[in-house]
Amino acid sequence: MDKETSRKAAHNARVQSMLLRQAAPLFREKGPDHVGIDEVMSRAGMTRGAFYAHFSSKDDVFIASLRQETPLLKSLEGRAGQSPDELRYEMRAMFDDYLSDKSPSSAQTCTLAGLAMDVARNGEEARATHEAMQLAMRVEMARDMDVHHDDDIVHATLSLAVGAVILAAAQRTESGRAKVLKSARSGVNDLFDGYISPKIEDFAPPPPRPEVKPVEFDAGALADKTPPPRPQIPSRPVAATRNPPERPKYKVHKQKPLFEPEPSIIGKMAVGVKKLFS
């Protein structure tokens, strides 16, 4: 690559970066559907014709701005800690700033939260770009920790932080916005506690067992003692013998049948024969 080509490439990169810095705030404030190319170029101090020398459409600018404005990711990538505890300490401070209720905070310039709903209404490429930025964020959050970037705890941390920023922006009052962000900071810090597995030395040793002194007693003196006499228990009185009363005898009554059975034909013939010979 000659010097002229290198110079042009560097110039184009500077112009593209400048256009993205102007376009990203407009996209966050109004949404991509309400931002035109003329407005972007006017803010950048350039003509509409210069736009197409760097981008083919407004959608290209929108997708590029998703990669451009991610201050939280840049902060996480710039951590200088050498141990997991140091990296986590820095990460806590960065998320505290991201979820700060003081203005301005890093979340106000974050397209990850500011353009989430616009990405959901956009095309496949915009959603893929947004997912790629989420993945890059989770990978950096899990760096040198005892968790994987795809673990539920890492997903929950990022979702809580970004979701809280979106909800806070929709609050009607400053007190409501501060409450949402404060609750999110507390939840995120609790989740960070699970990024590093506890070590055995981190647990406090159990308290020492109290010393139990043996009881001393004189066996000889104990043997000389005679036990007290057992109390005499009076014998139980014998109950007087008695015969049980005789049961009354009841007369047995024969119960007359309710109806006489009708004699059979043979019985009737036997009665008739008996009458003939009597």
Protein backbone atom coordinates (compact mmCIF):
# COMPACT_ATOMS: atom_id res chain seq x y z
CA MET A 1 0.00 0.00 0.00
CA ASP A 2 1.53 3.33 -1.09
CA LYS A 3 1.47 6.50 0.96
CA GLU A 4 -1.42 8.04 -0.98
CA THR A 5 -3.66 5.01 -0.46
CA SER A 6 -2.72 4.84 3.20
CA ARG A 7 -3.46 8.54 3.63
CA LYS A 8 -6.89 8.17 2.01
CA ALA A 9 -7.73 5.14 4.16
CA ALA A 10 -6.80 7.03 7.33
CA HIS A 11 -8.85 10.04 6.21
CA ASN A 12 -11.90 7.86 5.46
CA ALA A 13 -11.60 6.18 8.87
CA ARG A 14 -11.52 9.57 10.62
CA VAL A 15 -14.54 10.81 8.67
CA GLN A 16 -16.52 7.63 9.36
CA SER A 17 -15.71 7.81 13.08
CA MET A 18 -16.78 11.46 13.16
CA LEU A 19 -20.07 10.69 11.37
CA LEU A 20 -20.81 7.87 13.80
CA ARG A 21 -20.14 10.15 16.79
CA GLN A 22 -22.70 12.56 15.40
CA ALA A 23 -25.25 9.94 14.34
CA ALA A 24 -25.27 7.76 17.48
CA PRO A 25 -26.69 10.44 19.83
CA LEU A 26 -29.39 11.26 17.28
CA PHE A 27 -30.36 7.60 17.02
CA ARG A 28 -30.58 7.32 20.82
CA GLU A 29 -32.61 10.52 21.18
CA LYS A 30 -35.07 10.08 18.31
CA GLY A 31 -34.73 6.52 17.07
CA PRO A 32 -33.40 5.61 13.62
CA ASP A 33 -36.81 6.03 11.97
CA HIS A 34 -36.88 9.73 12.87
CA VAL A 35 -33.32 10.62 11.89
CA GLY A 36 -32.48 11.55 8.29
CA ILE A 37 -29.19 11.60 6.41
CA ASP A 38 -29.38 15.38 6.00
CA GLU A 39 -29.66 15.87 9.77
CA VAL A 40 -26.61 13.67 10.39
CA MET A 41 -24.52 15.43 7.77
CA SER A 42 -25.65 18.87 8.93
CA ARG A 43 -24.52 18.11 12.46
CA ALA A 44 -21.19 16.86 11.08
CA GLY A 45 -20.80 19.99 8.96
CA MET A 46 -20.71 18.07 5.68
CA THR A 47 -22.87 17.80 2.57
CA ARG A 48 -25.24 14.97 1.72
CA GLY A 49 -23.06 13.93 -1.21
CA ALA A 50 -20.13 13.21 1.10
CA PHE A 51 -22.25 10.72 3.02
CA TYR A 52 -22.35 8.16 0.21
CA ALA A 53 -18.59 8.26 -0.11
CA HIS A 54 -18.44 6.47 3.26
CA PHE A 55 -21.75 4.68 3.78
CA SER A 56 -24.22 3.15 1.35
CA SER A 57 -27.36 3.80 3.46
CA LYS A 58 -28.63 5.06 6.79
CA ASP A 59 -29.00 1.44 7.97
CA ASP A 60 -25.23 1.00 7.56
CA VAL A 61 -24.68 3.98 9.86
CA PHE A 62 -27.14 2.58 12.38
CA ILE A 63 -25.45 -0.83 12.49
CA ALA A 64 -21.98 0.73 12.70
CA SER A 65 -23.10 2.97 15.57
CA LEU A 66 -24.04 -0.14 17.58
CA ARG A 67 -20.36 -1.10 17.58
CA GLN A 68 -19.16 2.46 18.10
CA GLU A 69 -20.91 3.65 21.26
CA THR A 70 -20.30 1.00 23.94
CA PRO A 71 -18.44 2.81 26.75
CA LEU A 72 -19.03 0.01 29.28
CA LEU A 73 -17.33 -2.55 27.01
CA LYS A 74 -14.38 -0.23 26.44
CA SER A 75 -14.03 0.31 30.18
CA LEU A 76 -14.12 -3.43 30.88
CA GLU A 77 -11.49 -4.07 28.20
CA GLY A 78 -9.23 -1.45 29.80
CA ARG A 79 -9.12 -3.06 33.26
CA ALA A 80 -5.55 -3.35 34.54
CA GLY A 81 -6.08 -5.79 37.44
CA GLN A 82 -3.80 -8.81 37.63
CA SER A 83 -5.91 -11.05 39.88
CA PRO A 84 -9.59 -12.05 39.82
CA ASP A 85 -10.25 -9.98 42.95
CA GLU A 86 -8.70 -6.87 41.38
CA LEU A 87 -10.61 -7.36 38.11
CA ARG A 88 -13.88 -7.81 39.99
CA TYR A 89 -13.19 -4.72 42.10
CA GLU A 90 -12.72 -2.63 38.95
CA MET A 91 -15.81 -4.16 37.36
CA ARG A 92 -17.94 -3.26 40.38
CA ALA A 93 -16.85 0.39 40.09
CA MET A 94 -17.63 0.46 36.35
CA PHE A 95 -21.12 -0.96 36.80
CA ASP A 96 -21.74 1.43 39.70
CA ASP A 97 -20.96 4.28 37.31
CA TYR A 98 -23.09 2.68 34.56
CA LEU A 99 -26.05 2.50 36.95
CA SER A 100 -25.40 5.84 38.63
CA ASP A 101 -28.38 8.16 39.09
CA LYS A 102 -26.09 11.15 38.73
CA SER A 103 -25.98 12.85 35.34
CA PRO A 104 -24.17 12.21 33.11
CA SER A 105 -23.52 8.48 33.48
CA SER A 106 -21.92 6.10 30.99
CA ALA A 107 -25.32 4.52 30.33
CA GLN A 108 -26.56 7.70 28.65
CA THR A 109 -24.07 7.15 25.84
CA CYS A 110 -24.56 3.38 25.58
CA THR A 111 -26.27 2.15 22.44
CA LEU A 112 -26.57 -1.31 24.01
CA ALA A 113 -29.38 0.04 26.20
CA GLY A 114 -30.42 3.16 24.28
CA LEU A 115 -31.14 1.35 21.01
CA ALA A 116 -32.28 -2.06 22.27
CA MET A 117 -35.94 -1.60 21.28
CA ASP A 118 -34.99 -0.03 17.93
CA VAL A 119 -32.79 -3.06 17.22
CA ALA A 120 -35.72 -5.36 18.03
CA ARG A 121 -37.77 -3.62 15.33
CA ASN A 122 -34.91 -3.60 12.82
CA GLY A 123 -33.58 -6.27 10.49
CA GLU A 124 -31.61 -9.44 11.08
CA GLU A 125 -28.21 -7.76 10.67
CA ALA A 126 -28.94 -5.20 13.40
CA ARG A 127 -30.04 -7.90 15.84
CA ALA A 128 -26.97 -10.01 15.03
CA THR A 129 -24.73 -7.00 15.67
CA HIS A 130 -26.44 -6.26 18.99
CA GLU A 131 -26.08 -9.92 20.05
CA ALA A 132 -22.39 -9.82 19.11
CA MET A 133 -21.89 -6.79 21.36
CA GLN A 134 -23.69 -8.58 24.21
CA LEU A 135 -21.42 -11.59 23.75
CA ALA A 136 -18.30 -9.41 23.75
CA MET A 137 -19.52 -7.79 26.96
CA ARG A 138 -20.14 -11.13 28.71
CA VAL A 139 -16.76 -12.52 27.59
CA GLU A 140 -15.02 -9.52 29.10
CA MET A 141 -17.07 -9.73 32.30
CA ALA A 142 -16.06 -13.38 32.79
CA ARG A 143 -12.36 -12.77 32.11
CA ASP A 144 -10.20 -14.62 34.70
CA MET A 145 -13.28 -15.34 36.81
CA ASP A 146 -14.60 -18.70 38.01
CA VAL A 147 -17.60 -18.38 35.68
CA HIS A 148 -18.14 -18.93 31.95
CA HIS A 149 -19.44 -16.12 29.78
CA ASP A 150 -22.51 -18.22 28.92
CA ASP A 151 -23.40 -19.02 32.55
CA ASP A 152 -26.76 -17.85 33.85
CA ILE A 153 -25.15 -15.57 36.44
CA VAL A 154 -23.30 -13.58 33.73
CA HIS A 155 -26.43 -13.32 31.57
CA ALA A 156 -28.41 -12.18 34.62
CA THR A 157 -25.85 -9.49 35.53
CA LEU A 158 -25.81 -7.91 32.08
CA SER A 159 -29.59 -8.22 31.65
CA LEU A 160 -30.22 -6.59 35.03
CA ALA A 161 -27.89 -3.68 34.32
CA VAL A 162 -29.05 -2.93 30.77
CA GLY A 163 -32.71 -3.56 31.59
CA ALA A 164 -32.56 -1.22 34.58
CA VAL A 165 -31.16 1.57 32.40
CA ILE A 166 -34.06 1.14 29.96
CA LEU A 167 -36.65 1.13 32.77
CA ALA A 168 -35.03 4.13 34.48
CA ALA A 169 -35.25 6.14 31.26
CA ALA A 170 -39.01 5.50 31.19
CA GLN A 171 -39.62 6.80 34.74
CA ARG A 172 -41.68 9.97 35.11
CA THR A 173 -39.86 11.33 38.18
CA GLU A 174 -36.25 11.54 39.27
CA SER A 175 -37.03 9.70 42.49
CA GLY A 176 -38.50 6.79 40.53
CA ARG A 177 -35.47 6.71 38.25
CA ALA A 178 -33.09 6.75 41.24
CA LYS A 179 -35.00 3.89 42.90
CA VAL A 180 -34.73 1.66 39.82
CA LEU A 181 -31.01 2.30 39.43
CA LYS A 182 -30.26 1.85 43.15
CA SER A 183 -32.06 -1.50 43.21
CA ALA A 184 -30.15 -2.61 40.11
CA ARG A 185 -26.79 -1.64 41.65
CA SER A 186 -27.56 -3.71 44.72
CA GLY A 187 -28.61 -6.71 42.63
CA VAL A 188 -25.59 -6.51 40.33
CA ASN A 189 -23.17 -6.35 43.27
CA ASP A 190 -24.83 -9.39 44.83
CA LEU A 191 -24.36 -11.29 41.55
CA PHE A 192 -20.70 -10.28 41.37
CA ASP A 193 -20.15 -12.11 44.67
CA GLY A 194 -20.71 -15.38 42.79
CA TYR A 195 -18.08 -14.70 40.12
CA ILE A 196 -15.27 -16.06 42.32
CA SER A 197 -15.60 -19.36 44.15
CA PRO A 198 -14.96 -19.06 47.91
CA LYS A 199 -11.73 -20.60 49.17
CA ILE A 200 -11.32 -22.67 52.31
CA GLU A 201 -9.18 -20.00 53.93
CA ASP A 202 -11.95 -17.47 53.37
CA PHE A 203 -14.12 -19.21 55.94
CA ALA A 204 -13.59 -18.24 59.59
CA PRO A 205 -12.28 -21.07 61.78
CA PRO A 206 -14.73 -22.47 64.30
CA PRO A 207 -14.49 -21.10 67.84
CA PRO A 208 -12.40 -23.18 70.27
CA ARG A 209 -14.28 -25.74 72.30
CA PRO A 210 -14.58 -24.82 75.99
CA GLU A 211 -12.36 -26.79 78.34
CA VAL A 212 -14.37 -29.26 80.44
CA LYS A 213 -12.79 -30.08 83.80
CA PRO A 214 -13.39 -33.62 85.21
CA VAL A 215 -15.48 -33.87 88.34
CA GLU A 216 -13.40 -35.06 91.33
CA PHE A 217 -15.03 -37.25 94.01
CA ASP A 218 -13.85 -39.40 96.91
CA ALA A 219 -14.72 -43.05 96.17
CA GLY A 220 -13.95 -44.10 99.76
CA ALA A 221 -16.27 -41.54 101.27
CA LEU A 222 -18.96 -42.60 98.84
CA ALA A 223 -18.61 -46.28 99.84
CA ASP A 224 -19.03 -45.46 103.57
CA LYS A 225 -22.34 -43.85 103.02
CA THR A 226 -25.28 -46.15 103.66
CA PRO A 227 -28.33 -45.62 101.55
CA PRO A 228 -31.51 -44.55 103.32
CA PRO A 229 -34.03 -47.30 104.10
CA ARG A 230 -36.67 -47.93 101.51
CA PRO A 231 -40.12 -46.78 102.60
CA GLN A 232 -42.62 -49.49 103.58
CA ILE A 233 -45.43 -49.70 101.10
CA PRO A 234 -48.72 -50.86 102.73
CA SER A 235 -50.16 -54.04 101.30
CA ARG A 236 -53.21 -53.75 99.14
CA PRO A 237 -56.42 -54.78 100.94
CA VAL A 238 -58.05 -57.96 99.69
CA ALA A 239 -61.42 -57.32 98.13
CA ALA A 240 -64.38 -59.12 99.78
CA THR A 241 -65.60 -62.15 97.88
CA ARG A 242 -69.06 -61.79 96.46
CA ASN A 243 -71.22 -63.81 94.16
CA PRO A 244 -72.71 -62.17 91.19
CA PRO A 245 -76.55 -61.88 91.20
CA GLU A 246 -78.47 -64.58 89.43
CA ARG A 247 -79.78 -63.72 86.05
CA PRO A 248 -83.62 -63.72 85.89
CA LYS A 249 -85.25 -66.55 83.97
CA TYR A 250 -87.54 -65.38 81.23
CA LYS A 251 -90.33 -67.48 79.68
CA VAL A 252 -89.76 -68.47 76.15
CA HIS A 253 -92.78 -67.60 74.03
CA LYS A 254 -93.42 -69.49 70.90
CA GLN A 255 -94.11 -67.13 68.15
CA LYS A 256 -97.08 -68.02 66.03
CA PRO A 257 -96.29 -67.92 62.37
CA LEU A 258 -97.75 -65.03 60.50
CA PHE A 259 -99.49 -67.31 57.99
CA GLU A 260 -100.17 -71.00 57.66
CA PRO A 261 -98.58 -72.59 54.65
CA GLU A 262 -101.08 -73.89 52.13
CA PRO A 263 -101.19 -77.75 52.18
CA SER A 264 -99.90 -79.43 49.12
CA ILE A 265 -102.09 -81.61 46.81
CA ILE A 266 -100.65 -84.81 48.29
CA GLY A 267 -101.42 -83.55 51.80
CA LYS A 268 -105.02 -82.83 50.81
CA MET A 269 -105.42 -86.36 49.38
CA ALA A 270 -103.98 -87.88 52.56
CA VAL A 271 -106.56 -85.99 54.66
CA GLY A 272 -109.39 -87.14 52.41
CA VAL A 273 -108.34 -90.79 52.57
CA LYS A 274 -108.07 -90.60 56.36
CA LYS A 275 -111.64 -89.29 56.56
CA LEU A 276 -112.98 -92.16 54.36
CA PHE A 277 -111.62 -94.85 56.62
CA SER A 278 -112.42 -93.21 59.92
